[in-house]
């Protein structure tokens, strides 16, 4: 393979696709090819699943302490390889290198270290006699081979969010990264191979058909995916045929409720950054801002002014606030949504693609929207924010809950009781108060409704990769 090729990682070996087919990798900051990845077919998927099945008995028999040691060593290796890891990630995604190194890589390493510790703290019920002469014990055991499919917005982070709990629980993994951003996952597998038995972690690159073959493989017992609602629906239907367990994180459309008593300066400062971070390609991005009518105009003026100053830039631009959209398809999605805006909507900041090579788009603010509008109901997944007024708490919650997705929301107020009322009423898996977007390894990340089910991170995420067995003595 050429130096610019990204191999599959199967059974501890780096190999091309059996057919020799490849997919070009496009740098979204330039629109130019920078290498190739395997276009894996059923033969490659079968080899990877076979390797994972062969490795499962040995890996599932290791002690939690042994699995902890392996994960800690992988975390250390990732931390030592900062330069190559950043190179792989930013070349595929176009995101600013300085932001990846400051914001993402430390959090990624922390997730590995958290699950290394969590591996030794699986909860279980104490032995007890629920009927005379019989003692019941609950065992938590690994599920088996886990198929994991990750997206292009945070390639390395999402790979680690999936891999770490699965391995900590004693499962083996076949990971399929996005066809446009496989490089950091391939590098992670290479680093991990020094600390894991062959076949415990396998990576197969490819397109949607590769993913379909992986989901359908009879050796797979759990399918975990972070992706679109469409992808989740298709995968759920396919997995049902073999009764595979599912873990679906399908994106969001996060509402932000700003009440009249909120600290507007703080809200503007935080949201003008968080709404456009990673070019808005974040399932928890603050995309739908709902503001009390009494402070709507004041907030909008300040927020629009700050948004207009948010500047996209190339990976080596240390002053860039965000990078390009991940690919030309996603740029087209964003442009299409803006071009189809109804006549009552108004773009008050940005609104255009940037006239330069690559897939850059201006930070954009849209007002005058109505709840039924496409730009409100659909996850944009780009640097686009809508701003809507509300009259009271009840309307704020109604608007917030009035979309199919339910991943995350935030409430901005100085009133503790109001914050607690909103936290109960919002139909989302995450609610932030006077902040937005922060995740920690110790707390679950998952949603409801069309945002899917199952949790990443936390002990809850670890338990998703286990099954319970009742043993009676």
Protein backbone atom coordinates (compact mmCIF):
# COMPACT_ATOMS: atom_id res chain seq x y z
CA UNK A 1 0.00 0.00 0.00
CA UNK A 2 1.14 3.54 -0.69
CA UNK A 3 1.98 5.94 2.14
CA UNK A 4 -1.26 7.79 1.50
CA UNK A 5 -3.40 4.65 1.94
CA UNK A 6 -5.31 3.90 5.15
CA UNK A 7 -5.51 0.12 5.69
CA UNK A 8 -8.10 -1.99 7.38
CA UNK A 9 -7.05 -3.47 10.71
CA UNK A 10 -8.21 -7.08 10.99
CA UNK A 11 -6.98 -9.70 13.44
CA UNK A 12 -4.01 -7.55 14.45
CA UNK A 13 -2.85 -7.01 10.86
CA UNK A 14 -3.09 -4.04 8.51
CA UNK A 15 -4.57 -5.14 5.21
CA UNK A 16 -6.23 -3.61 2.12
CA UNK A 17 -9.71 -4.57 1.02
CA UNK A 18 -9.76 -8.08 -0.42
CA UNK A 19 -10.99 -6.69 -3.73
CA UNK A 20 -8.30 -3.99 -3.81
CA UNK A 21 -11.03 -1.33 -4.16
CA UNK A 22 -10.49 2.05 -2.53
CA UNK A 23 -12.30 5.29 -1.81
CA UNK A 24 -10.61 8.70 -2.17
CA UNK A 25 -10.27 10.85 0.93
CA UNK A 26 -11.02 14.54 0.37
CA UNK A 27 -9.58 17.36 2.45
CA UNK A 28 -12.63 19.57 3.19
CA UNK A 29 -10.41 22.62 3.60
CA UNK A 30 -9.22 22.36 -0.02
CA UNK A 31 -11.59 19.99 -1.81
CA UNK A 32 -8.55 17.96 -2.95
CA UNK A 33 -7.78 14.28 -2.45
CA UNK A 34 -5.15 13.45 0.16
CA UNK A 35 -5.20 9.65 0.13
CA UNK A 36 -7.31 6.53 -0.11
CA UNK A 37 -9.10 4.13 2.21
CA UNK A 38 -10.26 0.55 1.57
CA UNK A 39 -13.72 0.04 0.14
CA UNK A 40 -14.40 -3.08 2.15
CA UNK A 41 -16.88 -5.69 1.04
CA UNK A 42 -18.59 -8.70 2.64
CA UNK A 43 -15.37 -10.74 2.53
CA UNK A 44 -13.53 -8.11 4.62
CA UNK A 45 -16.44 -7.78 7.06
CA UNK A 46 -16.56 -11.55 7.45
CA UNK A 47 -12.82 -11.67 8.16
CA UNK A 48 -13.10 -8.91 10.77
CA UNK A 49 -16.10 -10.49 12.49
CA UNK A 50 -14.37 -13.86 12.43
CA UNK A 51 -11.29 -12.35 14.07
CA UNK A 52 -13.46 -10.69 16.71
CA UNK A 53 -15.32 -13.95 17.41
CA UNK A 54 -12.03 -15.86 17.73
CA UNK A 55 -10.67 -13.23 20.15
CA UNK A 56 -13.83 -13.00 22.27
CA UNK A 57 -13.29 -16.08 24.43
CA UNK A 58 -9.80 -14.97 25.43
CA UNK A 59 -10.64 -11.29 25.94
CA UNK A 60 -13.88 -11.90 27.84
CA UNK A 61 -11.94 -14.17 30.21
CA UNK A 62 -9.47 -11.46 31.17
CA UNK A 63 -9.89 -9.81 34.55
CA UNK A 64 -11.22 -6.27 34.85
CA UNK A 65 -7.77 -5.28 36.08
CA UNK A 66 -6.15 -6.63 32.92
CA UNK A 67 -8.61 -4.74 30.76
CA UNK A 68 -7.97 -1.62 32.80
CA UNK A 69 -4.25 -1.90 32.18
CA UNK A 70 -4.76 -2.25 28.43
CA UNK A 71 -7.04 0.79 28.22
CA UNK A 72 -4.67 2.91 30.30
CA UNK A 73 -1.79 1.96 28.02
CA UNK A 74 -3.84 2.87 24.94
CA UNK A 75 -4.65 6.24 26.52
CA UNK A 76 -0.95 6.85 27.19
CA UNK A 77 -0.05 5.85 23.62
CA UNK A 78 -2.67 8.22 22.22
CA UNK A 79 -1.35 11.03 24.37
CA UNK A 80 2.23 10.40 23.23
CA UNK A 81 1.18 10.40 19.56
CA UNK A 82 -0.37 13.88 19.71
CA UNK A 83 1.20 15.07 16.45
CA UNK A 84 0.26 12.14 14.21
CA UNK A 85 -3.20 11.92 15.79
CA UNK A 86 -3.88 15.62 15.12
CA UNK A 87 -2.56 15.26 11.57
CA UNK A 88 -4.92 12.37 10.86
CA UNK A 89 -7.96 14.09 12.35
CA UNK A 90 -7.61 17.55 10.83
CA UNK A 91 -6.67 16.26 7.37
CA UNK A 92 -9.93 14.33 7.18
CA UNK A 93 -12.17 16.91 8.88
CA UNK A 94 -10.56 20.29 8.15
CA UNK A 95 -11.18 21.41 11.74
CA UNK A 96 -8.71 23.89 13.32
CA UNK A 97 -5.76 21.97 14.69
CA UNK A 98 -5.38 24.17 17.77
CA UNK A 99 -9.00 23.55 18.79
CA UNK A 100 -8.70 19.78 18.32
CA UNK A 101 -5.60 19.69 20.50
CA UNK A 102 -7.07 21.95 23.20
CA UNK A 103 -10.68 20.79 23.33
CA UNK A 104 -11.01 17.29 21.92
CA UNK A 105 -7.87 15.23 22.44
CA UNK A 106 -7.64 15.68 26.24
CA UNK A 107 -11.32 14.70 26.55
CA UNK A 108 -10.77 11.64 24.34
CA UNK A 109 -7.88 10.43 26.50
CA UNK A 110 -9.98 11.05 29.62
CA UNK A 111 -12.76 8.78 28.31
CA UNK A 112 -10.29 5.90 27.90
CA UNK A 113 -8.99 6.43 31.44
CA UNK A 114 -12.48 6.69 32.88
CA UNK A 115 -13.61 3.39 31.38
CA UNK A 116 -10.34 1.79 32.44
CA UNK A 117 -11.40 2.50 36.03
CA UNK A 118 -15.07 1.71 35.44
CA UNK A 119 -14.10 -1.76 34.21
CA UNK A 120 -13.33 -2.64 37.84
CA UNK A 121 -16.58 -1.23 39.23
CA UNK A 122 -19.41 -3.05 37.51
CA UNK A 123 -22.42 -3.09 39.87
CA UNK A 124 -24.13 -6.31 40.84
CA UNK A 125 -26.80 -7.46 43.28
CA UNK A 126 -25.62 -9.10 46.45
CA UNK A 127 -26.28 -12.80 46.80
CA UNK A 128 -29.55 -13.49 48.56
CA UNK A 129 -32.08 -16.26 49.29
CA UNK A 130 -35.38 -15.33 47.65
CA UNK A 131 -36.75 -18.84 48.13
CA UNK A 132 -35.75 -21.32 50.87
CA UNK A 133 -32.61 -23.29 50.21
CA UNK A 134 -31.66 -21.40 47.04
CA UNK A 135 -29.16 -18.56 46.69
CA UNK A 136 -29.48 -16.18 43.74
CA UNK A 137 -26.53 -14.32 42.24
CA UNK A 138 -26.51 -11.87 39.30
CA UNK A 139 -23.62 -11.89 36.88
CA UNK A 140 -22.90 -9.11 34.39
CA UNK A 141 -21.26 -10.53 31.29
CA UNK A 142 -20.07 -9.12 27.96
CA UNK A 143 -22.46 -9.33 25.02
CA UNK A 144 -20.04 -10.64 22.39
CA UNK A 145 -18.93 -9.09 19.10
CA UNK A 146 -20.00 -5.44 18.86
CA UNK A 147 -20.40 -3.71 15.49
CA UNK A 148 -19.81 0.01 15.89
CA UNK A 149 -20.46 2.66 13.24
CA UNK A 150 -19.17 6.18 13.81
CA UNK A 151 -19.79 9.54 12.09
CA UNK A 152 -17.62 12.16 10.44
CA UNK A 153 -18.11 15.12 12.78
CA UNK A 154 -15.90 13.87 15.65
CA UNK A 155 -14.21 10.79 14.16
CA UNK A 156 -11.73 9.96 16.92
CA UNK A 157 -13.92 11.05 19.82
CA UNK A 158 -16.89 9.00 18.66
CA UNK A 159 -14.66 5.98 18.02
CA UNK A 160 -13.34 6.14 21.59
CA UNK A 161 -16.82 6.73 23.05
CA UNK A 162 -17.85 3.45 21.41
CA UNK A 163 -14.70 1.36 21.80
CA UNK A 164 -13.78 2.16 25.42
CA UNK A 165 -16.92 0.84 27.19
CA UNK A 166 -17.22 -2.16 24.88
CA UNK A 167 -13.65 -3.29 25.57
CA UNK A 168 -13.89 -2.46 29.28
CA UNK A 169 -16.88 -4.80 29.58
CA UNK A 170 -14.99 -7.64 27.86
CA UNK A 171 -16.49 -7.44 24.36
CA UNK A 172 -14.63 -7.46 21.07
CA UNK A 173 -15.22 -4.82 18.41
CA UNK A 174 -15.50 -4.34 14.67
CA UNK A 175 -15.55 -0.60 14.03
CA UNK A 176 -16.58 1.00 10.74
CA UNK A 177 -15.65 4.68 10.64
CA UNK A 178 -17.24 7.15 8.25
CA UNK A 179 -16.12 6.69 4.66
CA UNK A 180 -14.85 10.30 4.60
CA UNK A 181 -12.97 10.35 7.93
CA UNK A 182 -11.36 6.96 8.69
CA UNK A 183 -7.76 8.06 9.30
CA UNK A 184 -7.79 8.62 13.07
CA UNK A 185 -9.65 5.36 13.71
CA UNK A 186 -7.07 3.45 11.68
CA UNK A 187 -4.29 5.13 13.66
CA UNK A 188 -6.07 4.32 16.95
CA UNK A 189 -6.23 0.65 15.96
CA UNK A 190 -2.51 0.70 15.16
CA UNK A 191 -1.66 2.19 18.55
CA UNK A 192 -4.04 -0.16 20.39
CA UNK A 193 -2.61 -3.26 18.66
CA UNK A 194 0.48 -3.03 20.85
CA UNK A 195 -1.69 -3.50 23.96
CA UNK A 196 -4.56 -5.77 22.87
CA UNK A 197 -4.64 -9.38 21.68
CA UNK A 198 -5.21 -9.73 17.91
CA UNK A 199 -8.84 -9.49 16.92
CA UNK A 200 -10.07 -7.59 19.98
CA UNK A 201 -10.29 -4.34 18.02
CA UNK A 202 -10.82 -4.45 14.26
CA UNK A 203 -11.41 -1.54 11.87
CA UNK A 204 -12.99 -1.96 8.44
CA UNK A 205 -13.25 1.09 6.20
CA UNK A 206 -15.90 1.50 3.55
CA UNK A 207 -19.22 2.97 2.55
CA UNK A 208 -22.87 2.39 3.46
CA UNK A 209 -22.84 -1.07 1.89
CA UNK A 210 -19.92 -1.99 4.15
CA UNK A 211 -21.96 -0.87 7.13
CA UNK A 212 -24.98 -2.85 5.94
CA UNK A 213 -22.87 -6.00 5.64
CA UNK A 214 -21.50 -5.46 9.14
CA UNK A 215 -24.94 -4.95 10.71
CA UNK A 216 -26.27 -8.07 8.98
CA UNK A 217 -23.33 -10.33 9.91
CA UNK A 218 -24.54 -13.29 12.03
CA UNK A 219 -21.52 -13.04 14.35
CA UNK A 220 -22.50 -9.59 15.59
CA UNK A 221 -24.58 -9.47 18.78
CA UNK A 222 -24.81 -5.71 19.42
CA UNK A 223 -24.86 -2.80 16.98
CA UNK A 224 -23.94 0.70 18.17
CA UNK A 225 -24.19 3.67 15.84
CA UNK A 226 -23.86 7.42 16.01
CA UNK A 227 -25.41 8.93 12.92
CA UNK A 228 -28.52 10.31 11.28
CA UNK A 229 -32.11 9.36 12.04
CA UNK A 230 -32.33 7.77 8.59
CA UNK A 231 -29.29 5.61 9.28
CA UNK A 232 -30.63 4.60 12.68
CA UNK A 233 -33.99 3.58 11.26
CA UNK A 234 -32.37 1.47 8.56
CA UNK A 235 -29.99 -0.18 11.01
CA UNK A 236 -32.78 -0.90 13.50
CA UNK A 237 -34.82 -2.61 10.80
CA UNK A 238 -31.85 -4.70 9.67
CA UNK A 239 -30.83 -5.66 13.21
CA UNK A 240 -34.36 -6.77 14.05
CA UNK A 241 -34.07 -9.68 11.62
CA UNK A 242 -31.48 -11.31 13.90
CA UNK A 243 -32.66 -9.76 17.20
CA UNK A 244 -29.40 -7.92 17.67
CA UNK A 245 -29.19 -5.46 20.54
CA UNK A 246 -29.05 -1.80 19.53
CA UNK A 247 -27.41 1.36 20.84
CA UNK A 248 -28.47 4.39 18.78
CA UNK A 249 -27.30 7.99 19.11
CA UNK A 250 -29.00 9.76 16.24
CA UNK A 251 -28.35 13.44 16.60
CA UNK A 252 -30.37 16.31 17.95
CA UNK A 253 -31.88 19.72 17.41
CA UNK A 254 -31.11 21.40 20.70
CA UNK A 255 -33.39 24.15 22.03
CA UNK A 256 -31.97 26.97 24.16
CA UNK A 257 -34.49 28.68 26.49
CA UNK A 258 -33.42 32.20 27.45
CA UNK A 259 -35.65 33.80 30.07
CA UNK A 260 -35.93 37.51 30.79
CA UNK A 261 -33.94 37.26 34.03
CA UNK A 262 -30.97 35.47 32.39
CA UNK A 263 -27.51 37.01 32.27
CA UNK A 264 -27.70 38.03 28.61
CA UNK A 265 -24.04 38.96 28.34
CA UNK A 266 -23.00 35.53 29.55
CA UNK A 267 -25.55 33.81 27.30
CA UNK A 268 -24.38 35.71 24.23
CA UNK A 269 -20.73 35.06 25.04
CA UNK A 270 -21.18 31.31 25.46
CA UNK A 271 -23.74 30.67 22.75
CA UNK A 272 -22.03 32.68 20.03
CA UNK A 273 -19.17 30.22 20.39
CA UNK A 274 -21.03 26.99 21.17
CA UNK A 275 -23.61 27.38 18.40
CA UNK A 276 -20.93 27.43 15.71
CA UNK A 277 -18.24 25.19 17.22
CA UNK A 278 -17.10 22.55 14.71
CA UNK A 279 -19.11 24.46 12.08
CA UNK A 280 -22.28 23.49 13.93
CA UNK A 281 -21.65 19.81 13.13
CA UNK A 282 -22.47 18.69 16.65
CA UNK A 283 -25.57 16.81 17.75
CA UNK A 284 -25.84 19.01 20.85
CA UNK A 285 -25.10 22.32 19.09
CA UNK A 286 -27.23 25.22 20.35
CA UNK A 287 -29.21 25.55 17.15
CA UNK A 288 -32.71 26.71 18.19
CA UNK A 289 -32.56 29.74 20.47
CA UNK A 290 -35.88 30.60 22.12
CA UNK A 291 -35.95 34.00 23.84
CA UNK A 292 -38.47 35.71 26.13
CA UNK A 293 -40.18 38.48 24.12
CA UNK A 294 -39.19 41.05 26.71
CA UNK A 295 -35.49 40.60 25.97
CA UNK A 296 -35.68 39.13 22.47
CA UNK A 297 -34.58 42.23 20.55
CA UNK A 298 -31.75 43.01 22.95
CA UNK A 299 -30.45 39.44 22.82
CA UNK A 300 -30.79 39.21 19.04
CA UNK A 301 -28.84 42.42 18.45
CA UNK A 302 -25.95 41.27 20.62
CA UNK A 303 -25.97 37.69 19.41
CA UNK A 304 -26.10 38.67 15.73
CA UNK A 305 -23.18 41.05 16.16
CA UNK A 306 -21.08 38.34 17.79
CA UNK A 307 -22.09 35.70 15.26
CA UNK A 308 -21.06 37.96 12.38
CA UNK A 309 -17.54 38.02 13.85
CA UNK A 310 -17.21 34.23 13.99
CA UNK A 311 -14.78 33.32 11.25
CA UNK A 312 -14.22 29.99 9.51
CA UNK A 313 -10.67 29.06 8.64
CA UNK A 314 -8.25 26.32 7.60
CA UNK A 315 -6.69 23.83 10.05
CA UNK A 316 -3.47 25.85 10.39
CA UNK A 317 -5.31 29.15 11.06
CA UNK A 318 -4.89 29.67 14.80
CA UNK A 319 -7.48 32.45 14.80
CA UNK A 320 -10.25 30.47 13.09
CA UNK A 321 -13.38 29.90 15.15
CA UNK A 322 -14.39 26.82 13.17
CA UNK A 323 -13.43 24.90 10.06
CA UNK A 324 -15.26 23.84 6.91
CA UNK A 325 -18.23 21.55 6.65
CA UNK A 326 -17.09 17.95 6.38
CA UNK A 327 -17.89 17.38 2.72
CA UNK A 328 -19.59 18.86 -0.32
CA UNK A 329 -22.75 16.89 0.40
CA UNK A 330 -23.19 18.51 3.80
CA UNK A 331 -22.45 21.94 2.36
CA UNK A 332 -25.22 21.25 -0.13
CA UNK A 333 -27.61 20.28 2.68
CA UNK A 334 -26.97 23.58 4.48
CA UNK A 335 -27.27 25.63 1.31
CA UNK A 336 -30.50 23.86 0.39
CA UNK A 337 -32.11 24.60 3.75
CA UNK A 338 -31.24 28.28 3.50
CA UNK A 339 -32.36 28.57 -0.10
CA UNK A 340 -35.72 26.99 0.80
CA UNK A 341 -36.41 29.37 3.70
CA UNK A 342 -40.01 30.64 3.59
CA UNK A 343 -40.73 34.29 2.91
CA UNK A 344 -41.44 35.10 6.56
CA UNK A 345 -37.92 34.05 7.62
CA UNK A 346 -35.01 36.48 7.51
CA UNK A 347 -31.26 35.90 7.48
CA UNK A 348 -29.76 38.58 9.76
CA UNK A 349 -26.14 37.35 9.77
CA UNK A 350 -24.09 35.30 7.31
CA UNK A 351 -26.12 33.17 4.96
CA UNK A 352 -23.56 32.38 2.28
CA UNK A 353 -20.85 29.90 1.44
CA UNK A 354 -17.36 31.38 1.67
CA UNK A 355 -15.76 32.12 -1.70
CA UNK A 356 -12.62 30.01 -1.33
CA UNK A 357 -11.56 26.41 -1.97
CA UNK A 358 -13.10 23.88 0.36
CA UNK A 359 -16.50 23.62 2.00
CA UNK A 360 -16.60 26.73 4.19
CA UNK A 361 -19.81 28.51 5.19
CA UNK A 362 -20.48 31.68 7.13
CA UNK A 363 -21.93 31.64 10.64
CA UNK A 364 -25.61 32.27 9.98
CA UNK A 365 -28.52 33.54 12.09
CA UNK A 366 -32.14 33.23 10.94
CA UNK A 367 -35.14 34.99 12.54
CA UNK A 368 -38.86 35.16 11.83
CA UNK A 369 -39.15 31.37 11.63
CA UNK A 370 -42.23 29.40 12.59
CA UNK A 371 -42.37 26.11 14.41
CA UNK A 372 -43.45 24.14 11.34
CA UNK A 373 -40.60 25.46 9.16
CA UNK A 374 -38.11 22.92 7.82
CA UNK A 375 -35.15 24.80 9.29
CA UNK A 376 -36.73 24.42 12.76
CA UNK A 377 -37.92 20.83 12.49
CA UNK A 378 -34.84 19.40 10.82
CA UNK A 379 -31.36 19.10 12.29
CA UNK A 380 -29.28 21.47 10.15
CA UNK A 381 -25.86 20.15 11.23
CA UNK A 382 -24.14 23.30 10.04
CA UNK A 383 -23.31 26.82 11.26
CA UNK A 384 -26.95 27.94 11.24
CA UNK A 385 -28.96 29.14 14.25
CA UNK A 386 -32.62 30.12 14.42
CA UNK A 387 -33.98 32.62 16.97
CA UNK A 388 -37.65 32.54 18.03
CA UNK A 389 -39.52 34.59 20.67
CA UNK A 390 -41.78 33.10 23.36
CA UNK A 391 -44.40 34.67 25.61
CA UNK A 392 -44.11 32.57 28.79
CA UNK A 393 -42.65 29.41 30.29
CA UNK A 394 -45.36 27.20 28.88
CA UNK A 395 -44.80 28.40 25.32
CA UNK A 396 -41.03 28.08 25.71
CA UNK A 397 -41.37 24.42 26.69
CA UNK A 398 -43.94 23.79 23.96
CA UNK A 399 -41.62 25.18 21.29
CA UNK A 400 -38.61 23.36 22.72
CA UNK A 401 -40.43 20.01 22.72
CA UNK A 402 -42.09 20.62 19.35
CA UNK A 403 -39.57 18.70 17.23
CA UNK A 404 -38.99 14.94 16.78
CA UNK A 405 -35.49 14.97 18.29
CA UNK A 406 -34.75 14.95 22.02
CA UNK A 407 -31.04 14.83 22.76
CA UNK A 408 -30.15 18.02 24.64
CA UNK A 409 -31.44 21.41 25.76
CA UNK A 410 -30.33 24.31 27.92
CA UNK A 411 -32.18 26.76 30.18
CA UNK A 412 -30.86 30.21 31.01
CA UNK A 413 -32.34 31.86 34.10
CA UNK A 414 -31.44 33.10 37.58
CA UNK A 415 -34.60 31.49 39.00
CA UNK A 416 -33.80 28.08 40.49
CA UNK A 417 -37.44 26.96 40.56
CA UNK A 418 -37.91 27.89 36.91
CA UNK A 419 -34.78 25.94 35.98
CA UNK A 420 -36.07 22.89 37.84
CA UNK A 421 -39.53 23.14 36.22
CA UNK A 422 -37.94 23.31 32.78
CA UNK A 423 -35.57 20.43 33.54
CA UNK A 424 -38.58 18.24 34.34
CA UNK A 425 -40.66 19.39 31.38
CA UNK A 426 -38.08 19.21 28.60
CA UNK A 427 -38.19 15.92 26.70
CA UNK A 428 -34.44 15.49 26.22
CA UNK A 429 -31.74 13.24 27.60
CA UNK A 430 -29.56 16.17 28.72
CA UNK A 431 -30.48 19.55 30.23
CA UNK A 432 -27.89 22.21 30.96
CA UNK A 433 -28.63 25.27 33.11
CA UNK A 434 -26.80 28.52 32.31
CA UNK A 435 -24.34 26.61 30.17
CA UNK A 436 -24.48 24.40 27.09
CA UNK A 437 -22.59 21.58 25.44
CA UNK A 438 -20.26 20.39 28.21
CA UNK A 439 -19.84 16.64 28.52
CA UNK A 440 -17.99 14.68 31.19
CA UNK A 441 -16.95 11.05 31.16
CA UNK A 442 -18.86 10.33 34.36
CA UNK A 443 -22.31 11.38 33.08
CA UNK A 444 -24.46 9.72 30.36
CA UNK A 445 -24.90 11.18 26.89
CA UNK A 446 -28.04 9.96 25.16
CA UNK A 447 -31.46 11.06 24.02
CA UNK A 448 -35.12 10.22 23.51
CA UNK A 449 -37.48 10.22 20.55
CA UNK A 450 -35.74 10.43 17.18
CA UNK A 451 -32.44 11.03 18.97
CA UNK A 452 -32.33 7.31 19.69
CA UNK A 453 -31.76 5.23 22.80
CA UNK A 454 -28.81 3.98 24.80
CA UNK A 455 -26.16 6.13 26.43
CA UNK A 456 -22.56 6.89 25.66
CA UNK A 457 -20.15 7.69 28.50
CA UNK A 458 -20.67 6.98 32.23
CA UNK A 459 -21.41 3.77 34.06
CA UNK A 460 -24.73 3.71 32.21
CA UNK A 461 -22.83 3.51 28.93
CA UNK A 462 -20.71 0.65 30.26
CA UNK A 463 -23.77 -1.32 31.35
CA UNK A 464 -25.20 -1.02 27.82
CA UNK A 465 -22.40 -3.35 26.71
CA UNK A 466 -23.26 -6.04 29.25
CA UNK A 467 -26.00 -8.62 29.70
CA UNK A 468 -27.38 -9.99 32.95
CA UNK A 469 -27.36 -13.64 33.96
CA UNK A 470 -29.19 -15.03 36.98
CA UNK A 471 -27.38 -17.91 38.67
CA UNK A 472 -29.29 -19.88 41.34
CA UNK A 473 -27.37 -22.16 43.69
